[in-house]
Every structure is written in structure tokens, then in C-alpha cells.
Amino acid sequence: MTRISISIALLLSSLSMSSTSYSQDDLPVLEGPYLGQKPPGVIAEVFAPGIVSTELWEAFAIFSPDLNEFYFGRGGGKYKEPTLLVIRYKNNRWSENFFSLPVGDPKGAPLFSPDGKTLHMGNWYRERTSSGWSEVKNIGAPLKDIPIMRLAASAAGTYVFDEFTGQEEISTIRYSRLVDGKREEPKALNKEINSGKWTAHPFIAPDESYLIFDSEREDGYGGSDLYISFRQENGSWGLAINLGEDINTERDDVYGSITSDGKYMFFHRYLEGGTADIFWADAQFIENLRNR
């Protein structure tokens, strides 16, 4: 599948409403933070090779804010349709089973609110309750009818999101703030963000100090690259800075996000044959570029 078709296959597929487990008999014992994986350096590395990143298609990786749940999409093999999976940390080890997350029928890639109480999925979301996740809910006006691929929320409740038009060349990142408890009409971010081709998949820092997104641009490495922009003193967004060859390649490097402890960036890279792997890298580049 192409980048577009496999993304939409995941975004539009109906995911299991049960918590059926999928046995992984050869899964090693995983202890410690981040599935017990050795932390990466500044050069992006495949995350959990042979465990999470396999010969199949894996993408859309996120950790919950408490770092005790790891969510990712997988397609291929027995997963006839791309499926969202979660591995949980319990009793001092990561689960030996994969569980299909009961997220209903989302139409967007998953991303947590900073407090971990909401799982956003484009125009849809679920709220965490004492007994698990709530039923899927529509985000409502004024974003209800916008075809969103990825929506990110700041601690203040600002939404930053993209809009899928069905055309690879066109995608716009917009924002919507909470003003006096009411959500304002969406507005497009400035041209520093909305330039180039296929500008999409935003992640906003909880304090709104920076924005990570991907885009195809003349200063890129071939496909979609990951960029960062910092909030300026006047409230505008600064120049889009390419994250460089330690992160980006000639392939499509997309869907970047930063863990709640600020230590690592996760993203996925599309590979030959329509597959994808999950990568991670030290997030020190944020402060290095902020101070530049």
C-alpha cells in the first residue's frame, strides 16, 4: 500500500470492541521503562525491533502520559486490517500479550491529552473512566465536520489539527482555543507552518512552546520530513526547522510526538513494499534548536 492508502485504511477501519488478547509466545520478558529498551541517542533508531517493529506494518506509536501504556498500529499477517494495539505495564513488567484497544470506529490517529484522561482520534475521542474507556464520542462543533487525521491538545485545551482533503498535495494545520470556556472557530496557522506539500500530523507541546509536524519541502531529504517550530514572544510561530539527517531520510518520516517526560521523540517511517517501522530518538534536539 502507499502512504496514503494504508493511513486511511487504519483511520477508517473498525477496531474491535472487545479486549481480545493475541498471544505472543516468543515475546521476551520486558521490564523497566519504555519496554525495557536501551535508550537511543541523537540518531533515530528502530524501537523494540522484533517485538514492536517487525516485518509487518507498524505505525502511530504513542506512550500514555504515565508511560505505563504503549499504543501502536499494526497491519499485515493475521491483522487483515490495520489494528490499534496496546501493551501495558503491570506487576513490574510489560504484558506478554497484545490487546486490541476497544476504540470503536475512530477516524483519526490516536493521541493523548496531556492529563491522559482523553484519547483523541481525529474528530473522535474517548474518556478514561474507572472501568476503562468510555464510548466513542464526536468532538462536536465547530470541528465536527472537518476530516481530521490527527488532533493534538495542549494543557490549556488548545486543539491543533490537520485537515485531510483527499489530495496528497493539500493539507492545512489549524488551531482552536478555549476562550471563556467556549471553543473558538478554527484558524489556520501562519505560513511558516502551512507551506510546502502535505503539511500534516501536528503535535503540540503541553505548554504550547513548540509544534512538531511533517511536510515535504525544498530543504527536505526527499519525502515527508519532521519539522519543529517554536512559539515566539509575540505569540506567533517561528521558522519551521528541519530536524536534520539524524531523524529524516529520503523516505517519509511522519507522525512525530514527544513523551510526557520530554526525553524521547517517537515517529514512524514508511519503507519499501508499503511497510513501516516505529523509530525513536533522544529529544535533546528540542533544547539545542531552541537555543540556536
C-alpha atoms as a PDB file:
ATOM      1  CA  MET A   1       0.000   0.000   0.000  1.00  0.00           C
ATOM      2  CA  THR A   2       1.002   3.587  -0.474  1.00  0.00           C
ATOM      3  CA  ARG A   3       1.481   6.063   2.364  1.00  0.00           C
ATOM      4  CA  ILE A   4      -1.977   7.491   1.779  1.00  0.00           C
ATOM      5  CA  SER A   5      -3.923   4.255   1.347  1.00  0.00           C
ATOM      6  CA  ILE A   6      -2.518   2.490   4.386  1.00  0.00           C
ATOM      7  CA  SER A   7      -3.013   5.570   6.552  1.00  0.00           C
ATOM      8  CA  ILE A   8      -6.625   5.857   5.552  1.00  0.00           C
ATOM      9  CA  ALA A   9      -7.089   2.104   5.983  1.00  0.00           C
ATOM     10  CA  LEU A  10      -6.118   2.495   9.628  1.00  0.00           C
ATOM     11  CA  LEU A  11      -8.023   5.701  10.186  1.00  0.00           C
ATOM     12  CA  LEU A  12     -11.244   4.331   8.746  1.00  0.00           C
ATOM     13  CA  SER A  13     -11.090   0.693   9.855  1.00  0.00           C
ATOM     14  CA  SER A  14     -13.468  -0.549  12.524  1.00  0.00           C
ATOM     15  CA  LEU A  15     -11.447  -1.699  15.518  1.00  0.00           C
ATOM     16  CA  SER A  16     -12.531  -4.458  17.861  1.00  0.00           C
ATOM     17  CA  MET A  17     -14.962  -3.559  20.632  1.00  0.00           C
ATOM     18  CA  SER A  18     -13.620  -6.436  22.769  1.00  0.00           C
ATOM     19  CA  SER A  19     -10.377  -6.748  24.688  1.00  0.00           C
ATOM     20  CA  THR A  20      -9.383  -9.962  22.961  1.00  0.00           C
ATOM     21  CA  SER A  21      -5.767 -10.882  23.616  1.00  0.00           C
ATOM     22  CA  TYR A  22      -3.325 -12.026  20.976  1.00  0.00           C
ATOM     23  CA  SER A  23      -0.760 -14.433  22.389  1.00  0.00           C
ATOM     24  CA  GLN A  24       2.901 -13.751  21.681  1.00  0.00           C
ATOM     25  CA  ASP A  25       4.566 -16.922  22.960  1.00  0.00           C
ATOM     26  CA  ASP A  26       8.029 -15.825  21.933  1.00  0.00           C
ATOM     27  CA  LEU A  27       7.752 -12.344  23.473  1.00  0.00           C
ATOM     28  CA  PRO A  28      10.656 -11.927  25.930  1.00  0.00           C
ATOM     29  CA  VAL A  29      10.214 -10.676  29.477  1.00  0.00           C
ATOM     30  CA  LEU A  30      10.099  -6.898  29.262  1.00  0.00           C
ATOM     31  CA  GLU A  31      10.958  -4.942  32.392  1.00  0.00           C
ATOM     32  CA  GLY A  32      11.778  -1.304  33.022  1.00  0.00           C
ATOM     33  CA  PRO A  33      10.690   1.893  31.283  1.00  0.00           C
ATOM     34  CA  TYR A  34       9.999   2.028  27.560  1.00  0.00           C
ATOM     35  CA  LEU A  35       9.510  -1.735  27.266  1.00  0.00           C
ATOM     36  CA  GLY A  36      12.978  -2.229  28.729  1.00  0.00           C
ATOM     37  CA  GLN A  37      14.654  -0.952  25.571  1.00  0.00           C
ATOM     38  CA  LYS A  38      18.105   0.629  25.563  1.00  0.00           C
ATOM     39  CA  PRO A  39      17.638   4.400  25.152  1.00  0.00           C
ATOM     40  CA  PRO A  40      18.592   5.825  21.747  1.00  0.00           C
ATOM     41  CA  GLY A  41      20.998   8.640  21.033  1.00  0.00           C
ATOM     42  CA  VAL A  42      20.508  11.607  18.741  1.00  0.00           C
ATOM     43  CA  ILE A  43      20.324   9.349  15.675  1.00  0.00           C
ATOM     44  CA  ALA A  44      16.896   7.758  15.305  1.00  0.00           C
ATOM     45  CA  GLU A  45      16.755   4.010  15.920  1.00  0.00           C
ATOM     46  CA  VAL A  46      14.125   1.337  15.347  1.00  0.00           C
ATOM     47  CA  PHE A  47      12.053   0.899  18.504  1.00  0.00           C
ATOM     48  CA  ALA A  48      11.864  -2.583  20.050  1.00  0.00           C
ATOM     49  CA  PRO A  49      12.983  -4.498  16.935  1.00  0.00           C
ATOM     50  CA  GLY A  50      11.384  -7.912  16.644  1.00  0.00           C
ATOM     51  CA  ILE A  51       8.891  -7.038  19.400  1.00  0.00           C
ATOM     52  CA  VAL A  52       7.083  -3.914  18.205  1.00  0.00           C
ATOM     53  CA  SER A  53       8.827  -3.170  14.915  1.00  0.00           C
ATOM     54  CA  THR A  54       8.670  -6.325  12.796  1.00  0.00           C
ATOM     55  CA  GLU A  55       8.445  -7.289   9.138  1.00  0.00           C
ATOM     56  CA  LEU A  56       4.816  -6.159   9.270  1.00  0.00           C
ATOM     57  CA  TRP A  57       3.481  -2.590   9.133  1.00  0.00           C
ATOM     58  CA  GLU A  58       3.773  -0.694  12.431  1.00  0.00           C
ATOM     59  CA  ALA A  59       2.963   2.990  12.938  1.00  0.00           C
ATOM     60  CA  PHE A  60       1.225   5.666  15.071  1.00  0.00           C
ATOM     61  CA  ALA A  61       3.224   4.932  18.235  1.00  0.00           C
ATOM     62  CA  ILE A  62       2.427   6.806  21.454  1.00  0.00           C
ATOM     63  CA  PHE A  63       3.000   6.264  25.169  1.00  0.00           C
ATOM     64  CA  SER A  64       0.329   7.287  27.656  1.00  0.00           C
ATOM     65  CA  PRO A  65       1.367  10.279  29.796  1.00  0.00           C
ATOM     66  CA  ASP A  66       2.023   7.999  32.801  1.00  0.00           C
ATOM     67  CA  LEU A  67       4.293   5.933  30.499  1.00  0.00           C
ATOM     68  CA  ASN A  68       2.551   2.702  31.541  1.00  0.00           C
ATOM     69  CA  GLU A  69       0.790   2.030  28.244  1.00  0.00           C
ATOM     70  CA  PHE A  70       2.218   1.844  24.737  1.00  0.00           C
ATOM     71  CA  TYR A  71      -0.134   2.133  21.768  1.00  0.00           C
ATOM     72  CA  PHE A  72       0.703   1.424  18.142  1.00  0.00           C
ATOM     73  CA  GLY A  73      -0.885   0.347  14.880  1.00  0.00           C
ATOM     74  CA  ARG A  74      -0.062  -2.947  13.184  1.00  0.00           C
ATOM     75  CA  GLY A  75      -1.099  -4.340   9.823  1.00  0.00           C
ATOM     76  CA  GLY A  76      -0.249  -7.464   7.843  1.00  0.00           C
ATOM     77  CA  GLY A  77      -0.010 -11.141   8.744  1.00  0.00           C
ATOM     78  CA  LYS A  78      -3.028 -12.108  10.840  1.00  0.00           C
ATOM     79  CA  TYR A  79      -4.019  -8.444  11.059  1.00  0.00           C
ATOM     80  CA  LYS A  80      -6.068  -8.352   7.886  1.00  0.00           C
ATOM     81  CA  GLU A  81      -6.977  -4.762   8.649  1.00  0.00           C
ATOM     82  CA  PRO A  82      -4.595  -2.352  10.419  1.00  0.00           C
ATOM     83  CA  THR A  83      -5.370  -2.594  14.142  1.00  0.00           C
ATOM     84  CA  LEU A  84      -4.531  -0.426  17.121  1.00  0.00           C
ATOM     85  CA  LEU A  85      -2.776  -2.395  19.889  1.00  0.00           C
ATOM     86  CA  VAL A  86      -1.656  -1.621  23.427  1.00  0.00           C
ATOM     87  CA  ILE A  87       0.994  -3.145  25.696  1.00  0.00           C
ATOM     88  CA  ARG A  88       0.528  -2.357  29.390  1.00  0.00           C
ATOM     89  CA  TYR A  89       2.963  -2.209  32.287  1.00  0.00           C
ATOM     90  CA  LYS A  90       1.606  -4.194  35.229  1.00  0.00           C
ATOM     91  CA  ASN A  91       3.164  -6.028  38.157  1.00  0.00           C
ATOM     92  CA  ASN A  92       6.593  -4.589  37.323  1.00  0.00           C
ATOM     93  CA  ARG A  93       6.676  -5.917  33.772  1.00  0.00           C
ATOM     94  CA  TRP A  94       5.146  -5.245  30.395  1.00  0.00           C
ATOM     95  CA  SER A  95       2.310  -7.529  29.379  1.00  0.00           C
ATOM     96  CA  GLU A  96       3.200 -10.669  27.444  1.00  0.00           C
ATOM     97  CA  ASN A  97       0.062 -10.254  25.373  1.00  0.00           C
ATOM     98  CA  PHE A  98      -1.081  -7.708  22.879  1.00  0.00           C
ATOM     99  CA  PHE A  99      -4.617  -6.410  23.325  1.00  0.00           C
ATOM    100  CA  SER A 100      -6.800  -4.778  20.737  1.00  0.00           C
ATOM    101  CA  LEU A 101      -7.860  -1.442  22.182  1.00  0.00           C
ATOM    102  CA  PRO A 102     -11.653  -1.064  22.351  1.00  0.00           C
ATOM    103  CA  VAL A 103     -11.744   2.227  20.487  1.00  0.00           C
ATOM    104  CA  GLY A 104     -14.805   1.567  18.360  1.00  0.00           C
ATOM    105  CA  ASP A 105     -14.669   3.185  14.944  1.00  0.00           C
ATOM    106  CA  PRO A 106     -12.220   6.096  15.049  1.00  0.00           C
ATOM    107  CA  LYS A 107     -11.390   8.155  12.026  1.00  0.00           C
ATOM    108  CA  GLY A 108      -8.093   9.624  13.157  1.00  0.00           C
ATOM    109  CA  ALA A 109      -4.723   8.655  14.583  1.00  0.00           C
ATOM    110  CA  PRO A 110      -4.607   8.320  18.398  1.00  0.00           C
ATOM    111  CA  LEU A 111      -3.003  10.949  20.647  1.00  0.00           C
ATOM    112  CA  PHE A 112      -3.474  11.551  24.377  1.00  0.00           C
ATOM    113  CA  SER A 113      -4.429  14.758  26.108  1.00  0.00           C
ATOM    114  CA  PRO A 114      -1.607  15.857  28.454  1.00  0.00           C
ATOM    115  CA  ASP A 115      -3.501  14.634  31.535  1.00  0.00           C
ATOM    116  CA  GLY A 116      -4.063  11.193  30.000  1.00  0.00           C
ATOM    117  CA  LYS A 117      -7.814  11.355  30.550  1.00  0.00           C
ATOM    118  CA  THR A 118      -8.756  11.664  26.885  1.00  0.00           C
ATOM    119  CA  LEU A 119      -7.675   9.671  23.851  1.00  0.00           C
ATOM    120  CA  HIS A 120      -8.183  11.848  20.787  1.00  0.00           C
ATOM    121  CA  MET A 121      -8.755  10.184  17.405  1.00  0.00           C
ATOM    122  CA  GLY A 122      -9.252  12.936  14.883  1.00  0.00           C
ATOM    123  CA  ASN A 123     -12.875  14.073  15.134  1.00  0.00           C
ATOM    124  CA  TRP A 124     -13.494  11.427  17.808  1.00  0.00           C
ATOM    125  CA  TYR A 125     -12.377  10.780  21.353  1.00  0.00           C
ATOM    126  CA  ARG A 126     -12.810   8.516  24.361  1.00  0.00           C
ATOM    127  CA  GLU A 127     -12.567   9.445  28.016  1.00  0.00           C
ATOM    128  CA  ARG A 128     -10.788   7.285  30.569  1.00  0.00           C
ATOM    129  CA  THR A 129     -13.080   6.106  33.373  1.00  0.00           C
ATOM    130  CA  SER A 130     -12.627   3.949  36.462  1.00  0.00           C
ATOM    131  CA  SER A 131     -13.771   0.930  34.445  1.00  0.00           C
ATOM    132  CA  GLY A 132     -11.875   1.648  31.212  1.00  0.00           C
ATOM    133  CA  TRP A 133     -12.580   3.792  28.166  1.00  0.00           C
ATOM    134  CA  SER A 134     -15.906   5.462  27.560  1.00  0.00           C
ATOM    135  CA  GLU A 135     -17.895   5.040  24.397  1.00  0.00           C
ATOM    136  CA  VAL A 136     -16.540   6.884  21.392  1.00  0.00           C
ATOM    137  CA  LYS A 137     -17.771  10.487  21.166  1.00  0.00           C
ATOM    138  CA  ASN A 138     -17.699  13.088  18.428  1.00  0.00           C
ATOM    139  CA  ILE A 139     -15.688  16.199  19.180  1.00  0.00           C
ATOM    140  CA  GLY A 140     -18.615  18.385  18.231  1.00  0.00           C
ATOM    141  CA  ALA A 141     -18.853  21.923  16.879  1.00  0.00           C
ATOM    142  CA  PRO A 142     -17.037  23.753  15.464  1.00  0.00           C
ATOM    143  CA  LEU A 143     -14.728  20.869  14.410  1.00  0.00           C
ATOM    144  CA  LYS A 144     -17.386  18.216  13.905  1.00  0.00           C
ATOM    145  CA  ASP A 145     -17.395  18.122  10.111  1.00  0.00           C
ATOM    146  CA  ILE A 146     -13.682  18.707   9.459  1.00  0.00           C
ATOM    147  CA  PRO A 147     -11.948  15.480   8.263  1.00  0.00           C
ATOM    148  CA  ILE A 148      -9.123  15.387  10.817  1.00  0.00           C
ATOM    149  CA  MET A 149      -6.244  12.910  10.606  1.00  0.00           C
ATOM    150  CA  ARG A 150      -4.532  13.913  13.855  1.00  0.00           C
ATOM    151  CA  LEU A 151      -5.585  16.230  16.653  1.00  0.00           C
ATOM    152  CA  ALA A 152      -3.252  17.301  19.465  1.00  0.00           C
ATOM    153  CA  ALA A 153      -4.317  19.079  22.652  1.00  0.00           C
ATOM    154  CA  SER A 154      -2.302  21.357  24.922  1.00  0.00           C
ATOM    155  CA  ALA A 155      -2.696  21.545  28.704  1.00  0.00           C
ATOM    156  CA  ALA A 156      -4.740  24.722  28.233  1.00  0.00           C
ATOM    157  CA  GLY A 157      -7.156  22.919  25.916  1.00  0.00           C
ATOM    158  CA  THR A 158      -5.931  24.351  22.618  1.00  0.00           C
ATOM    159  CA  TYR A 159      -6.500  21.943  19.743  1.00  0.00           C
ATOM    160  CA  VAL A 160      -4.049  21.810  16.845  1.00  0.00           C
ATOM    161  CA  PHE A 161      -5.069  19.584  13.963  1.00  0.00           C
ATOM    162  CA  ASP A 162      -4.746  18.879  10.261  1.00  0.00           C
ATOM    163  CA  GLU A 163      -7.414  18.531   7.607  1.00  0.00           C
ATOM    164  CA  PHE A 164      -7.428  15.679   5.114  1.00  0.00           C
ATOM    165  CA  THR A 165      -8.811  16.800   1.781  1.00  0.00           C
ATOM    166  CA  GLY A 166      -8.242  13.601  -0.186  1.00  0.00           C
ATOM    167  CA  GLN A 167      -5.436  15.266  -2.133  1.00  0.00           C
ATOM    168  CA  GLU A 168      -1.875  14.496  -1.092  1.00  0.00           C
ATOM    169  CA  GLU A 169      -0.643  17.935  -2.081  1.00  0.00           C
ATOM    170  CA  ILE A 170      -3.085  19.792   0.153  1.00  0.00           C
ATOM    171  CA  SER A 171      -3.339  19.699   3.928  1.00  0.00           C
ATOM    172  CA  THR A 172      -3.692  22.587   6.357  1.00  0.00           C
ATOM    173  CA  ILE A 173      -2.828  22.720  10.055  1.00  0.00           C
ATOM    174  CA  ARG A 174      -5.296  24.736  12.108  1.00  0.00           C
ATOM    175  CA  TYR A 175      -5.885  25.544  15.768  1.00  0.00           C
ATOM    176  CA  SER A 176      -8.847  26.199  18.032  1.00  0.00           C
ATOM    177  CA  ARG A 177      -8.544  27.631  21.548  1.00  0.00           C
ATOM    178  CA  LEU A 178     -10.851  27.581  24.529  1.00  0.00           C
ATOM    179  CA  VAL A 179     -11.942  31.164  25.154  1.00  0.00           C
ATOM    180  CA  ASP A 180     -14.073  31.730  28.271  1.00  0.00           C
ATOM    181  CA  GLY A 181     -14.926  28.034  28.239  1.00  0.00           C
ATOM    182  CA  LYS A 182     -16.114  28.080  24.622  1.00  0.00           C
ATOM    183  CA  ARG A 183     -14.227  26.588  21.696  1.00  0.00           C
ATOM    184  CA  GLU A 184     -13.470  29.167  19.036  1.00  0.00           C
ATOM    185  CA  GLU A 185     -13.790  28.698  15.293  1.00  0.00           C
ATOM    186  CA  PRO A 186     -10.677  27.033  13.797  1.00  0.00           C
ATOM    187  CA  LYS A 187      -7.991  29.255  12.314  1.00  0.00           C
ATOM    188  CA  ALA A 188      -5.100  28.321  10.028  1.00  0.00           C
ATOM    189  CA  LEU A 189      -1.601  28.609  11.459  1.00  0.00           C
ATOM    190  CA  ASN A 190       0.789  31.019   9.766  1.00  0.00           C
ATOM    191  CA  LYS A 191       2.728  30.416   6.560  1.00  0.00           C
ATOM    192  CA  GLU A 192       5.806  29.264   8.475  1.00  0.00           C
ATOM    193  CA  ILE A 193       3.794  26.125   9.268  1.00  0.00           C
ATOM    194  CA  ASN A 194       1.446  25.891   6.286  1.00  0.00           C
ATOM    195  CA  SER A 195       3.987  25.859   3.483  1.00  0.00           C
ATOM    196  CA  GLY A 196       5.298  23.089   1.288  1.00  0.00           C
ATOM    197  CA  LYS A 197       3.394  19.936   0.377  1.00  0.00           C
ATOM    198  CA  TRP A 198       1.368  17.585   2.600  1.00  0.00           C
ATOM    199  CA  THR A 199       1.867  19.567   5.823  1.00  0.00           C
ATOM    200  CA  ALA A 200       0.149  17.486   8.469  1.00  0.00           C
ATOM    201  CA  HIS A 201       0.117  15.388  11.670  1.00  0.00           C
ATOM    202  CA  PRO A 202       0.851  18.048  14.316  1.00  0.00           C
ATOM    203  CA  PHE A 203       1.997  17.526  17.900  1.00  0.00           C
ATOM    204  CA  ILE A 204       1.888  20.497  20.265  1.00  0.00           C
ATOM    205  CA  ALA A 205       3.873  20.710  23.499  1.00  0.00           C
ATOM    206  CA  PRO A 206       1.653  20.713  26.606  1.00  0.00           C
ATOM    207  CA  ASP A 207       2.811  24.284  27.355  1.00  0.00           C
ATOM    208  CA  GLU A 208       2.395  25.275  23.674  1.00  0.00           C
ATOM    209  CA  SER A 209       6.070  26.247  23.421  1.00  0.00           C
ATOM    210  CA  TYR A 210       6.742  24.204  20.277  1.00  0.00           C
ATOM    211  CA  LEU A 211       4.997  22.373  17.490  1.00  0.00           C
ATOM    212  CA  ILE A 212       6.238  19.252  15.653  1.00  0.00           C
ATOM    213  CA  PHE A 213       4.743  18.290  12.288  1.00  0.00           C
ATOM    214  CA  ASP A 214       5.769  16.767   8.967  1.00  0.00           C
ATOM    215  CA  SER A 215       5.888  18.258   5.499  1.00  0.00           C
ATOM    216  CA  GLU A 216       7.525  17.921   2.079  1.00  0.00           C
ATOM    217  CA  ARG A 217       9.686  20.982   1.393  1.00  0.00           C
ATOM    218  CA  GLU A 218      12.572  22.089  -0.762  1.00  0.00           C
ATOM    219  CA  ASP A 219      15.006  21.893   2.151  1.00  0.00           C
ATOM    220  CA  GLY A 220      13.953  18.288   2.867  1.00  0.00           C
ATOM    221  CA  TYR A 221      15.576  14.942   2.218  1.00  0.00           C
ATOM    222  CA  GLY A 222      13.132  13.568  -0.346  1.00  0.00           C
ATOM    223  CA  GLY A 223       9.853  12.504   1.255  1.00  0.00           C
ATOM    224  CA  SER A 224       7.964  13.992   4.158  1.00  0.00           C
ATOM    225  CA  ASP A 225      10.336  15.246   6.865  1.00  0.00           C
ATOM    226  CA  LEU A 226       9.769  16.096  10.510  1.00  0.00           C
ATOM    227  CA  TYR A 227       9.973  19.781  11.469  1.00  0.00           C
ATOM    228  CA  ILE A 228       9.760  21.838  14.628  1.00  0.00           C
ATOM    229  CA  SER A 229       8.589  25.412  15.148  1.00  0.00           C
ATOM    230  CA  PHE A 230       8.907  27.396  18.386  1.00  0.00           C
ATOM    231  CA  ARG A 231       6.414  29.841  19.797  1.00  0.00           C
ATOM    232  CA  GLN A 232       7.765  33.382  19.630  1.00  0.00           C
ATOM    233  CA  GLU A 233       7.461  36.093  22.282  1.00  0.00           C
ATOM    234  CA  ASN A 234       4.679  37.769  20.308  1.00  0.00           C
ATOM    235  CA  GLY A 235       2.696  34.519  20.229  1.00  0.00           C
ATOM    236  CA  SER A 236       3.371  33.681  16.573  1.00  0.00           C
ATOM    237  CA  TRP A 237       5.084  30.534  15.349  1.00  0.00           C
ATOM    238  CA  GLY A 238       8.688  30.798  14.210  1.00  0.00           C
ATOM    239  CA  LEU A 239      10.517  29.306  11.257  1.00  0.00           C
ATOM    240  CA  ALA A 240       9.944  25.643  10.543  1.00  0.00           C
ATOM    241  CA  ILE A 241      13.257  23.911  11.330  1.00  0.00           C
ATOM    242  CA  ASN A 242      14.034  20.602   9.635  1.00  0.00           C
ATOM    243  CA  LEU A 243      15.123  18.047  12.254  1.00  0.00           C
ATOM    244  CA  GLY A 244      18.031  17.027  10.051  1.00  0.00           C
ATOM    245  CA  GLU A 245      19.650  13.849   8.826  1.00  0.00           C
ATOM    246  CA  ASP A 246      19.783  12.249  12.283  1.00  0.00           C
ATOM    247  CA  ILE A 247      15.978  11.981  12.086  1.00  0.00           C
ATOM    248  CA  ASN A 248      14.897  12.434   8.471  1.00  0.00           C
ATOM    249  CA  THR A 249      15.670  10.297   5.427  1.00  0.00           C
ATOM    250  CA  GLU A 250      14.645  10.100   1.782  1.00  0.00           C
ATOM    251  CA  ARG A 251      11.671   8.056   2.983  1.00  0.00           C
ATOM    252  CA  ASP A 252       8.519   9.511   4.587  1.00  0.00           C
ATOM    253  CA  ASP A 253       9.253  10.279   8.260  1.00  0.00           C
ATOM    254  CA  VAL A 254       5.964  11.247   9.903  1.00  0.00           C
ATOM    255  CA  TYR A 255       3.714  11.468  12.980  1.00  0.00           C
ATOM    256  CA  GLY A 256       6.272  12.742  15.484  1.00  0.00           C
ATOM    257  CA  SER A 257       5.400  13.062  19.179  1.00  0.00           C
ATOM    258  CA  ILE A 258       7.331  13.651  22.396  1.00  0.00           C
ATOM    259  CA  THR A 259       6.956  11.521  25.514  1.00  0.00           C
ATOM    260  CA  SER A 260       5.489  13.179  28.611  1.00  0.00           C
ATOM    261  CA  ASP A 261       8.882  13.216  30.372  1.00  0.00           C
ATOM    262  CA  GLY A 262      10.338  15.146  27.433  1.00  0.00           C
ATOM    263  CA  LYS A 263      13.070  12.557  26.837  1.00  0.00           C
ATOM    264  CA  TYR A 264      12.231  10.933  23.512  1.00  0.00           C
ATOM    265  CA  MET A 265      10.544  11.513  20.188  1.00  0.00           C
ATOM    266  CA  PHE A 266       8.602   8.690  18.552  1.00  0.00           C
ATOM    267  CA  PHE A 267       7.600   8.602  14.894  1.00  0.00           C
ATOM    268  CA  HIS A 268       7.247   6.131  12.069  1.00  0.00           C
ATOM    269  CA  ARG A 269       8.984   5.755   8.737  1.00  0.00           C
ATOM    270  CA  TYR A 270       7.442   4.269   5.628  1.00  0.00           C
ATOM    271  CA  LEU A 271       9.622   1.639   3.976  1.00  0.00           C
ATOM    272  CA  GLU A 272       9.758  -0.115   0.638  1.00  0.00           C
ATOM    273  CA  GLY A 273       6.932  -2.520  -0.072  1.00  0.00           C
ATOM    274  CA  GLY A 274       4.323  -0.480   1.822  1.00  0.00           C
ATOM    275  CA  THR A 275       5.546  -1.416   5.304  1.00  0.00           C
ATOM    276  CA  ALA A 276       6.548   0.929   8.119  1.00  0.00           C
ATOM    277  CA  ASP A 277       8.620   0.792  11.307  1.00  0.00           C
ATOM    278  CA  ILE A 278       8.483   2.775  14.527  1.00  0.00           C
ATOM    279  CA  PHE A 279      11.560   4.851  15.424  1.00  0.00           C
ATOM    280  CA  TRP A 280      12.649   6.828  18.470  1.00  0.00           C
ATOM    281  CA  ALA A 281      15.392   9.339  19.216  1.00  0.00           C
ATOM    282  CA  ASP A 282      16.702  11.442  22.072  1.00  0.00           C
ATOM    283  CA  ALA A 283      14.624  14.643  22.250  1.00  0.00           C
ATOM    284  CA  GLN A 284      17.546  16.827  23.323  1.00  0.00           C
ATOM    285  CA  PHE A 285      17.353  18.368  19.858  1.00  0.00           C
ATOM    286  CA  ILE A 286      14.433  20.460  21.140  1.00  0.00           C
ATOM    287  CA  GLU A 287      16.569  22.470  23.541  1.00  0.00           C
ATOM    288  CA  ASN A 288      19.505  22.516  21.140  1.00  0.00           C
ATOM    289  CA  LEU A 289      17.352  24.082  18.436  1.00  0.00           C
ATOM    290  CA  ARG A 290      15.505  26.340  20.875  1.00  0.00           C
ATOM    291  CA  ASN A 291      18.815  27.847  21.998  1.00  0.00           C
ATOM    292  CA  ARG A 292      20.205  28.171  18.486  1.00  0.00           C
END
